C-alpha cells in the first residue's frame, strides 16, 4: 500500500510505503488517510498527498472485500488498485472468486470429477460501481496508455476511486513469460476483459475490439485451460463464451 509523496526519500520507491497483511490494504489506507486529514486540519501537514492501495484479487475480491467496501462507503479520498491475476498466486495458486470458470488451480483441480473451477468469476468492477463512488475502471498492461490515463484521472478525482487491472501470471496461467502482453491483449480483444470506466455512474467503453477473437483463441494459449480442449470439457468453453457475450451486451447497453 503506497502513500504518494516525496517527503520520505528513504524507501525504494522514494515515498512512504506500508506493507500490511494483504487483506488489510483498504483498512490500513483508510486509517492513514484519516490521520492525514486530522493533521491537515491542525495545520501540521499542508502538502496535498495522494493515497494509493494495492491488493491482489484474493485480498480484494475475497478476504479483503469487507474492508474495501467499507472504505468506499465511508468516502475516503483514496485510489484502490486491484492487481488481478485471477488466483491466490503468492500462497500456492488457489482459486479465488476472480478465477474464470474452467481454470485449473490447486483448489479447483481439473480431473475426472470436475473440469477446473465450476463457477463464473465475480464481476468486482460492477460491484464497486454499485457503491456509487466517483470513478471505477478496468485496465490491462497491454493497453498501457489507457491504463496510464485512468490512473491519472483517478488521482485527479476527490473521493474513493477503484481500478481493476488484469495481470497475467506465467506460473499460474501456465504460459511462457514472453507471451504476457499477447495474452493480456487477447483478453481485451476477446471481450473477456473489457476496457471501460464508470465516472459518476456513467459507463464508457475506452476501447472497442477491432476484430473478432473468441474465448477459445484466448484460452488455448494457457495451460490452466488445456483440459477444456478434450472430450466433454469442450462445453465449458461454450459456456464461458456465452457468459462473455452476455456481459459484453450488458456493458454495451449501459454505455449507450
C-alpha atoms as a PDB file:
ATOM      1  CA  UNK A   1       0.000   0.000   0.000  1.00  0.00           C
ATOM      2  CA  UNK A   2       1.527   3.250  -1.160  1.00  0.00           C
ATOM      3  CA  UNK A   3       1.163   6.775   0.153  1.00  0.00           C
ATOM      4  CA  UNK A   4       2.487   9.000  -2.601  1.00  0.00           C
ATOM      5  CA  UNK A   5       4.674  11.954  -1.616  1.00  0.00           C
ATOM      6  CA  UNK A   6       8.329  12.936  -1.700  1.00  0.00           C
ATOM      7  CA  UNK A   7       8.889  13.716   1.988  1.00  0.00           C
ATOM      8  CA  UNK A   8      10.220  10.234   2.841  1.00  0.00           C
ATOM      9  CA  UNK A   9      13.150   9.580   0.462  1.00  0.00           C
ATOM     10  CA  UNK A  10      14.426   6.549   2.367  1.00  0.00           C
ATOM     11  CA  UNK A  11      12.214   3.900   0.733  1.00  0.00           C
ATOM     12  CA  UNK A  12      12.939   2.103  -2.540  1.00  0.00           C
ATOM     13  CA  UNK A  13      10.031   3.954  -4.140  1.00  0.00           C
ATOM     14  CA  UNK A  14      11.129   7.358  -2.762  1.00  0.00           C
ATOM     15  CA  UNK A  15       7.749   7.538  -0.997  1.00  0.00           C
ATOM     16  CA  UNK A  16       6.399   6.230   2.317  1.00  0.00           C
ATOM     17  CA  UNK A  17       5.144   2.665   1.953  1.00  0.00           C
ATOM     18  CA  UNK A  18       3.261   0.440   4.401  1.00  0.00           C
ATOM     19  CA  UNK A  19       3.284  -3.316   3.846  1.00  0.00           C
ATOM     20  CA  UNK A  20       0.274  -4.690   5.728  1.00  0.00           C
ATOM     21  CA  UNK A  21      -1.391  -8.101   5.670  1.00  0.00           C
ATOM     22  CA  UNK A  22      -2.768  -8.382   2.160  1.00  0.00           C
ATOM     23  CA  UNK A  23      -6.418  -8.494   3.237  1.00  0.00           C
ATOM     24  CA  UNK A  24      -5.943  -5.269   5.230  1.00  0.00           C
ATOM     25  CA  UNK A  25      -4.862  -2.842   2.497  1.00  0.00           C
ATOM     26  CA  UNK A  26      -8.137  -0.915   2.360  1.00  0.00           C
ATOM     27  CA  UNK A  27      -8.424  -0.730   6.159  1.00  0.00           C
ATOM     28  CA  UNK A  28      -4.826   0.447   6.522  1.00  0.00           C
ATOM     29  CA  UNK A  29      -5.035   3.106   3.799  1.00  0.00           C
ATOM     30  CA  UNK A  30      -8.312   4.331   5.309  1.00  0.00           C
ATOM     31  CA  UNK A  31      -6.614   4.880   8.656  1.00  0.00           C
ATOM     32  CA  UNK A  32      -3.635   6.653   7.100  1.00  0.00           C
ATOM     33  CA  UNK A  33      -5.879   8.915   5.034  1.00  0.00           C
ATOM     34  CA  UNK A  34      -8.000   9.734   8.100  1.00  0.00           C
ATOM     35  CA  UNK A  35      -4.861  10.582  10.085  1.00  0.00           C
ATOM     36  CA  UNK A  36      -3.684  12.814   7.245  1.00  0.00           C
ATOM     37  CA  UNK A  37      -6.970  14.732   7.344  1.00  0.00           C
ATOM     38  CA  UNK A  38      -6.645  15.213  11.097  1.00  0.00           C
ATOM     39  CA  UNK A  39      -3.064  16.520  10.814  1.00  0.00           C
ATOM     40  CA  UNK A  40      -4.027  18.769   7.908  1.00  0.00           C
ATOM     41  CA  UNK A  41      -6.921  20.219   9.901  1.00  0.00           C
ATOM     42  CA  UNK A  42      -4.497  21.058  12.714  1.00  0.00           C
ATOM     43  CA  UNK A  43      -2.103  22.678  10.249  1.00  0.00           C
ATOM     44  CA  UNK A  44       0.623  20.098  10.813  1.00  0.00           C
ATOM     45  CA  UNK A  45       0.548  18.997   7.157  1.00  0.00           C
ATOM     46  CA  UNK A  46      -0.019  21.434   4.329  1.00  0.00           C
ATOM     47  CA  UNK A  47       1.050  19.376   1.333  1.00  0.00           C
ATOM     48  CA  UNK A  48      -1.509  17.604  -0.881  1.00  0.00           C
ATOM     49  CA  UNK A  49      -0.893  13.861  -0.748  1.00  0.00           C
ATOM     50  CA  UNK A  50      -2.316  11.011  -2.811  1.00  0.00           C
ATOM     51  CA  UNK A  51      -3.166   7.710  -1.149  1.00  0.00           C
ATOM     52  CA  UNK A  52      -2.913   4.516  -3.200  1.00  0.00           C
ATOM     53  CA  UNK A  53      -3.550   0.962  -2.024  1.00  0.00           C
ATOM     54  CA  UNK A  54      -2.592  -2.181  -3.927  1.00  0.00           C
ATOM     55  CA  UNK A  55      -4.172  -5.584  -3.406  1.00  0.00           C
ATOM     56  CA  UNK A  56      -4.286  -8.870  -5.296  1.00  0.00           C
ATOM     57  CA  UNK A  57      -7.550 -10.442  -6.358  1.00  0.00           C
ATOM     58  CA  UNK A  58      -7.618 -12.776  -3.353  1.00  0.00           C
ATOM     59  CA  UNK A  59      -7.118  -9.898  -0.949  1.00  0.00           C
ATOM     60  CA  UNK A  60      -9.589  -7.708  -2.850  1.00  0.00           C
ATOM     61  CA  UNK A  61     -12.389  -9.879  -4.246  1.00  0.00           C
ATOM     62  CA  UNK A  62     -12.465 -12.194  -1.230  1.00  0.00           C
ATOM     63  CA  UNK A  63     -10.849 -11.850   2.185  1.00  0.00           C
ATOM     64  CA  UNK A  64     -10.289  -8.098   1.925  1.00  0.00           C
ATOM     65  CA  UNK A  65     -13.636  -7.207   0.385  1.00  0.00           C
ATOM     66  CA  UNK A  66     -15.258  -6.192   3.671  1.00  0.00           C
ATOM     67  CA  UNK A  67     -12.660  -3.522   4.431  1.00  0.00           C
ATOM     68  CA  UNK A  68     -12.634  -2.373   0.796  1.00  0.00           C
ATOM     69  CA  UNK A  69     -16.412  -1.983   0.708  1.00  0.00           C
ATOM     70  CA  UNK A  70     -16.299  -0.091   3.998  1.00  0.00           C
ATOM     71  CA  UNK A  71     -13.609   2.286   2.752  1.00  0.00           C
ATOM     72  CA  UNK A  72     -15.605   3.029  -0.383  1.00  0.00           C
ATOM     73  CA  UNK A  73     -18.851   3.558   1.535  1.00  0.00           C
ATOM     74  CA  UNK A  74     -17.183   5.934   4.010  1.00  0.00           C
ATOM     75  CA  UNK A  75     -15.843   8.031   1.162  1.00  0.00           C
ATOM     76  CA  UNK A  76     -12.117   8.011   1.896  1.00  0.00           C
ATOM     77  CA  UNK A  77     -10.077  10.003  -0.612  1.00  0.00           C
ATOM     78  CA  UNK A  78      -8.062   7.038  -1.909  1.00  0.00           C
ATOM     79  CA  UNK A  79      -7.275   5.094  -5.062  1.00  0.00           C
ATOM     80  CA  UNK A  80      -7.500   1.325  -4.661  1.00  0.00           C
ATOM     81  CA  UNK A  81      -5.774  -0.704  -7.373  1.00  0.00           C
ATOM     82  CA  UNK A  82      -6.547  -4.408  -7.719  1.00  0.00           C
ATOM     83  CA  UNK A  83      -3.688  -6.479  -9.155  1.00  0.00           C
ATOM     84  CA  UNK A  84      -5.946  -9.144 -10.644  1.00  0.00           C
ATOM     85  CA  UNK A  85      -4.059 -12.291 -11.666  1.00  0.00           C
ATOM     86  CA  UNK A  86      -7.216 -14.330 -11.058  1.00  0.00           C
ATOM     87  CA  UNK A  87      -5.935 -16.573  -8.290  1.00  0.00           C
ATOM     88  CA  UNK A  88      -4.146 -16.559  -4.913  1.00  0.00           C
ATOM     89  CA  UNK A  89      -0.702 -16.669  -6.507  1.00  0.00           C
ATOM     90  CA  UNK A  90       1.560 -15.880  -3.554  1.00  0.00           C
ATOM     91  CA  UNK A  91       0.151 -18.712  -1.422  1.00  0.00           C
ATOM     92  CA  UNK A  92       0.149 -21.510  -3.980  1.00  0.00           C
ATOM     93  CA  UNK A  93      -2.193 -20.829  -6.943  1.00  0.00           C
ATOM     94  CA  UNK A  94      -5.509 -21.404  -5.165  1.00  0.00           C
ATOM     95  CA  UNK A  95      -8.782 -20.353  -6.821  1.00  0.00           C
ATOM     96  CA  UNK A  96     -10.328 -17.027  -5.905  1.00  0.00           C
ATOM     97  CA  UNK A  97     -13.686 -15.595  -6.899  1.00  0.00           C
ATOM     98  CA  UNK A  98     -11.788 -13.837  -9.708  1.00  0.00           C
ATOM     99  CA  UNK A  99     -10.743 -17.178 -11.239  1.00  0.00           C
ATOM    100  CA  UNK A 100     -12.517 -17.874 -14.562  1.00  0.00           C
ATOM    101  CA  UNK A 101     -14.743 -20.889 -15.000  1.00  0.00           C
ATOM    102  CA  UNK A 102     -12.808 -23.949 -16.122  1.00  0.00           C
ATOM    103  CA  UNK A 103      -9.410 -22.815 -14.849  1.00  0.00           C
ATOM    104  CA  UNK A 104      -7.213 -25.409 -13.176  1.00  0.00           C
ATOM    105  CA  UNK A 105      -5.880 -24.342  -9.765  1.00  0.00           C
ATOM    106  CA  UNK A 106      -4.591 -26.239  -6.746  1.00  0.00           C
ATOM    107  CA  UNK A 107      -8.018 -25.959  -5.089  1.00  0.00           C
ATOM    108  CA  UNK A 108     -10.081 -26.446  -8.265  1.00  0.00           C
ATOM    109  CA  UNK A 109      -8.001 -29.171  -9.926  1.00  0.00           C
ATOM    110  CA  UNK A 110      -9.120 -30.410 -13.319  1.00  0.00           C
ATOM    111  CA  UNK A 111      -9.698 -34.148 -13.339  1.00  0.00           C
ATOM    112  CA  UNK A 112     -12.321 -36.845 -13.749  1.00  0.00           C
ATOM    113  CA  UNK A 113     -14.666 -35.248 -11.205  1.00  0.00           C
ATOM    114  CA  UNK A 114     -14.575 -31.529 -12.094  1.00  0.00           C
ATOM    115  CA  UNK A 115     -13.260 -29.641 -15.160  1.00  0.00           C
ATOM    116  CA  UNK A 116     -11.459 -26.990 -13.115  1.00  0.00           C
ATOM    117  CA  UNK A 117     -13.373 -24.187 -11.400  1.00  0.00           C
ATOM    118  CA  UNK A 118     -17.119 -24.702 -11.803  1.00  0.00           C
ATOM    119  CA  UNK A 119     -18.303 -21.130 -11.186  1.00  0.00           C
ATOM    120  CA  UNK A 120     -18.093 -17.951 -13.265  1.00  0.00           C
ATOM    121  CA  UNK A 121     -15.810 -15.213 -11.942  1.00  0.00           C
ATOM    122  CA  UNK A 122     -17.186 -12.431  -9.762  1.00  0.00           C
ATOM    123  CA  UNK A 123     -17.692  -9.085 -11.501  1.00  0.00           C
ATOM    124  CA  UNK A 124     -15.959  -6.931  -8.893  1.00  0.00           C
ATOM    125  CA  UNK A 125     -15.723  -3.869 -11.124  1.00  0.00           C
ATOM    126  CA  UNK A 126     -19.502  -3.627 -11.334  1.00  0.00           C
ATOM    127  CA  UNK A 127     -19.800  -4.353  -7.601  1.00  0.00           C
ATOM    128  CA  UNK A 128     -17.575  -1.345  -6.941  1.00  0.00           C
ATOM    129  CA  UNK A 129     -19.728   0.700  -9.328  1.00  0.00           C
ATOM    130  CA  UNK A 130     -22.722  -0.205  -7.175  1.00  0.00           C
ATOM    131  CA  UNK A 131     -21.034   1.636  -4.277  1.00  0.00           C
ATOM    132  CA  UNK A 132     -21.821   4.847  -6.200  1.00  0.00           C
ATOM    133  CA  UNK A 133     -18.247   6.139  -5.980  1.00  0.00           C
ATOM    134  CA  UNK A 134     -16.917   8.849  -8.337  1.00  0.00           C
ATOM    135  CA  UNK A 135     -14.685   6.678 -10.522  1.00  0.00           C
ATOM    136  CA  UNK A 136     -14.267   2.983 -11.347  1.00  0.00           C
ATOM    137  CA  UNK A 137     -12.273   1.488 -14.228  1.00  0.00           C
ATOM    138  CA  UNK A 138     -10.855  -1.666 -15.774  1.00  0.00           C
ATOM    139  CA  UNK A 139      -7.434  -1.681 -17.428  1.00  0.00           C
ATOM    140  CA  UNK A 140      -4.766  -4.039 -18.790  1.00  0.00           C
ATOM    141  CA  UNK A 141      -0.977  -3.782 -19.240  1.00  0.00           C
ATOM    142  CA  UNK A 142      -1.242  -4.487 -22.982  1.00  0.00           C
ATOM    143  CA  UNK A 143      -3.049  -1.160 -23.369  1.00  0.00           C
ATOM    144  CA  UNK A 144      -0.623   0.893 -21.322  1.00  0.00           C
ATOM    145  CA  UNK A 145      -1.737   4.343 -22.455  1.00  0.00           C
ATOM    146  CA  UNK A 146      -5.332   3.572 -21.492  1.00  0.00           C
ATOM    147  CA  UNK A 147      -4.051   2.335 -18.126  1.00  0.00           C
ATOM    148  CA  UNK A 148      -1.933   5.444 -17.560  1.00  0.00           C
ATOM    149  CA  UNK A 149      -4.787   7.797 -18.382  1.00  0.00           C
ATOM    150  CA  UNK A 150      -7.122   6.004 -15.992  1.00  0.00           C
ATOM    151  CA  UNK A 151      -4.648   6.237 -13.120  1.00  0.00           C
ATOM    152  CA  UNK A 152      -4.130   9.940 -13.811  1.00  0.00           C
ATOM    153  CA  UNK A 153      -7.877  10.519 -13.901  1.00  0.00           C
ATOM    154  CA  UNK A 154      -8.481   8.545 -10.702  1.00  0.00           C
ATOM    155  CA  UNK A 155      -5.852  10.586  -8.849  1.00  0.00           C
ATOM    156  CA  UNK A 156      -7.389  13.845 -10.073  1.00  0.00           C
ATOM    157  CA  UNK A 157     -10.807  12.982  -8.612  1.00  0.00           C
ATOM    158  CA  UNK A 158     -11.675  13.687  -4.987  1.00  0.00           C
ATOM    159  CA  UNK A 159     -13.134  10.737  -3.106  1.00  0.00           C
ATOM    160  CA  UNK A 160     -12.782   6.960  -3.380  1.00  0.00           C
ATOM    161  CA  UNK A 161     -11.708   5.553  -6.748  1.00  0.00           C
ATOM    162  CA  UNK A 162     -11.029   1.989  -7.908  1.00  0.00           C
ATOM    163  CA  UNK A 163      -9.119   0.474 -10.831  1.00  0.00           C
ATOM    164  CA  UNK A 164      -9.154  -3.243 -11.618  1.00  0.00           C
ATOM    165  CA  UNK A 165      -6.070  -4.245 -13.638  1.00  0.00           C
ATOM    166  CA  UNK A 166      -5.771  -7.651 -15.304  1.00  0.00           C
ATOM    167  CA  UNK A 167      -2.311  -9.051 -14.510  1.00  0.00           C
ATOM    168  CA  UNK A 168      -1.431 -12.264 -16.396  1.00  0.00           C
ATOM    169  CA  UNK A 169       0.815 -14.665 -14.475  1.00  0.00           C
ATOM    170  CA  UNK A 170       3.089 -17.091 -16.396  1.00  0.00           C
ATOM    171  CA  UNK A 171       3.339 -19.532 -13.467  1.00  0.00           C
ATOM    172  CA  UNK A 172      -0.328 -19.726 -12.551  1.00  0.00           C
ATOM    173  CA  UNK A 173      -1.721 -19.384 -16.059  1.00  0.00           C
ATOM    174  CA  UNK A 174       0.930 -21.715 -17.488  1.00  0.00           C
ATOM    175  CA  UNK A 175       2.401 -19.914 -20.471  1.00  0.00           C
ATOM    176  CA  UNK A 176       5.892 -18.630 -21.461  1.00  0.00           C
ATOM    177  CA  UNK A 177       6.675 -15.207 -19.909  1.00  0.00           C
ATOM    178  CA  UNK A 178       7.325 -13.797 -23.384  1.00  0.00           C
ATOM    179  CA  UNK A 179       3.591 -14.130 -24.156  1.00  0.00           C
ATOM    180  CA  UNK A 180       2.388 -11.948 -21.253  1.00  0.00           C
ATOM    181  CA  UNK A 181       1.440  -8.894 -23.311  1.00  0.00           C
ATOM    182  CA  UNK A 182      -0.094 -11.024 -26.069  1.00  0.00           C
ATOM    183  CA  UNK A 183      -2.303 -12.819 -23.541  1.00  0.00           C
ATOM    184  CA  UNK A 184      -3.266  -9.523 -21.943  1.00  0.00           C
ATOM    185  CA  UNK A 185      -4.177  -8.144 -25.368  1.00  0.00           C
ATOM    186  CA  UNK A 186      -6.242 -11.216 -26.293  1.00  0.00           C
ATOM    187  CA  UNK A 187      -8.147 -10.957 -23.003  1.00  0.00           C
ATOM    188  CA  UNK A 188      -9.225  -7.489 -24.123  1.00  0.00           C
ATOM    189  CA  UNK A 189      -9.824  -8.383 -27.780  1.00  0.00           C
ATOM    190  CA  UNK A 190     -11.949 -11.397 -26.815  1.00  0.00           C
ATOM    191  CA  UNK A 191     -14.026  -9.086 -24.603  1.00  0.00           C
ATOM    192  CA  UNK A 192     -13.277 -11.269 -21.606  1.00  0.00           C
ATOM    193  CA  UNK A 193     -11.679  -8.172 -20.035  1.00  0.00           C
ATOM    194  CA  UNK A 194     -13.425  -5.079 -21.425  1.00  0.00           C
ATOM    195  CA  UNK A 195     -11.612  -1.770 -21.016  1.00  0.00           C
ATOM    196  CA  UNK A 196     -14.066   0.754 -19.648  1.00  0.00           C
ATOM    197  CA  UNK A 197     -14.627   3.345 -16.963  1.00  0.00           C
ATOM    198  CA  UNK A 198     -17.573   4.485 -14.891  1.00  0.00           C
ATOM    199  CA  UNK A 199     -17.410   8.157 -13.992  1.00  0.00           C
ATOM    200  CA  UNK A 200     -20.189   9.500 -11.770  1.00  0.00           C
ATOM    201  CA  UNK A 201     -22.327   6.498 -12.654  1.00  0.00           C
ATOM    202  CA  UNK A 202     -21.888   6.779 -16.436  1.00  0.00           C
ATOM    203  CA  UNK A 203     -20.340   3.808 -18.247  1.00  0.00           C
ATOM    204  CA  UNK A 204     -17.936   4.396 -21.120  1.00  0.00           C
ATOM    205  CA  UNK A 205     -16.011   1.850 -23.167  1.00  0.00           C
ATOM    206  CA  UNK A 206     -12.475   3.166 -23.609  1.00  0.00           C
ATOM    207  CA  UNK A 207     -11.530   0.529 -26.185  1.00  0.00           C
ATOM    208  CA  UNK A 208     -13.637  -1.386 -28.694  1.00  0.00           C
ATOM    209  CA  UNK A 209     -12.064  -4.540 -30.184  1.00  0.00           C
ATOM    210  CA  UNK A 210     -11.356  -4.168 -33.880  1.00  0.00           C
ATOM    211  CA  UNK A 211     -11.511  -7.856 -34.768  1.00  0.00           C
ATOM    212  CA  UNK A 212     -13.433 -10.878 -33.546  1.00  0.00           C
ATOM    213  CA  UNK A 213     -11.461 -13.002 -31.082  1.00  0.00           C
ATOM    214  CA  UNK A 214     -13.129 -15.935 -29.351  1.00  0.00           C
ATOM    215  CA  UNK A 215     -12.636 -17.144 -25.808  1.00  0.00           C
ATOM    216  CA  UNK A 216     -11.151 -20.287 -27.322  1.00  0.00           C
ATOM    217  CA  UNK A 217      -8.432 -18.212 -29.008  1.00  0.00           C
ATOM    218  CA  UNK A 218      -7.503 -16.723 -25.627  1.00  0.00           C
ATOM    219  CA  UNK A 219      -7.798 -19.921 -23.598  1.00  0.00           C
ATOM    220  CA  UNK A 220      -5.739 -22.152 -25.872  1.00  0.00           C
ATOM    221  CA  UNK A 221      -2.551 -20.242 -25.060  1.00  0.00           C
ATOM    222  CA  UNK A 222      -2.848 -21.039 -21.350  1.00  0.00           C
ATOM    223  CA  UNK A 223      -2.044 -24.372 -19.748  1.00  0.00           C
ATOM    224  CA  UNK A 224      -4.619 -23.815 -16.993  1.00  0.00           C
ATOM    225  CA  UNK A 225      -7.324 -24.395 -19.641  1.00  0.00           C
ATOM    226  CA  UNK A 226      -5.615 -27.249 -21.519  1.00  0.00           C
ATOM    227  CA  UNK A 227      -8.055 -29.866 -20.206  1.00  0.00           C
ATOM    228  CA  UNK A 228     -11.021 -27.978 -21.718  1.00  0.00           C
ATOM    229  CA  UNK A 229      -9.957 -28.874 -25.251  1.00  0.00           C
ATOM    230  CA  UNK A 230     -10.643 -32.588 -24.845  1.00  0.00           C
ATOM    231  CA  UNK A 231     -13.852 -34.639 -24.689  1.00  0.00           C
ATOM    232  CA  UNK A 232     -16.901 -33.371 -22.825  1.00  0.00           C
ATOM    233  CA  UNK A 233     -14.999 -30.452 -21.281  1.00  0.00           C
ATOM    234  CA  UNK A 234     -15.354 -28.507 -24.535  1.00  0.00           C
ATOM    235  CA  UNK A 235     -18.827 -27.474 -23.370  1.00  0.00           C
ATOM    236  CA  UNK A 236     -17.188 -25.351 -20.660  1.00  0.00           C
ATOM    237  CA  UNK A 237     -15.595 -23.178 -23.346  1.00  0.00           C
ATOM    238  CA  UNK A 238     -19.018 -22.643 -24.911  1.00  0.00           C
ATOM    239  CA  UNK A 239     -20.482 -21.679 -21.535  1.00  0.00           C
ATOM    240  CA  UNK A 240     -17.659 -19.209 -20.973  1.00  0.00           C
ATOM    241  CA  UNK A 241     -18.244 -17.679 -24.407  1.00  0.00           C
ATOM    242  CA  UNK A 242     -21.967 -17.263 -23.695  1.00  0.00           C
ATOM    243  CA  UNK A 243     -21.170 -15.558 -20.392  1.00  0.00           C
ATOM    244  CA  UNK A 244     -18.705 -13.166 -22.035  1.00  0.00           C
ATOM    245  CA  UNK A 245     -21.198 -12.347 -24.797  1.00  0.00           C
ATOM    246  CA  UNK A 246     -23.931 -11.685 -22.243  1.00  0.00           C
ATOM    247  CA  UNK A 247     -21.722  -9.410 -20.112  1.00  0.00           C
ATOM    248  CA  UNK A 248     -20.498  -7.512 -23.187  1.00  0.00           C
ATOM    249  CA  UNK A 249     -24.051  -6.944 -24.383  1.00  0.00           C
ATOM    250  CA  UNK A 250     -24.991  -5.589 -20.965  1.00  0.00           C
ATOM    251  CA  UNK A 251     -21.942  -3.317 -20.855  1.00  0.00           C
ATOM    252  CA  UNK A 252     -22.650  -2.045 -24.362  1.00  0.00           C
ATOM    253  CA  UNK A 253     -26.213  -1.198 -23.316  1.00  0.00           C
ATOM    254  CA  UNK A 254     -25.060   0.600 -20.151  1.00  0.00           C
ATOM    255  CA  UNK A 255     -22.684   2.880 -22.047  1.00  0.00           C
ATOM    256  CA  UNK A 256     -25.167   3.710 -24.787  1.00  0.00           C
END
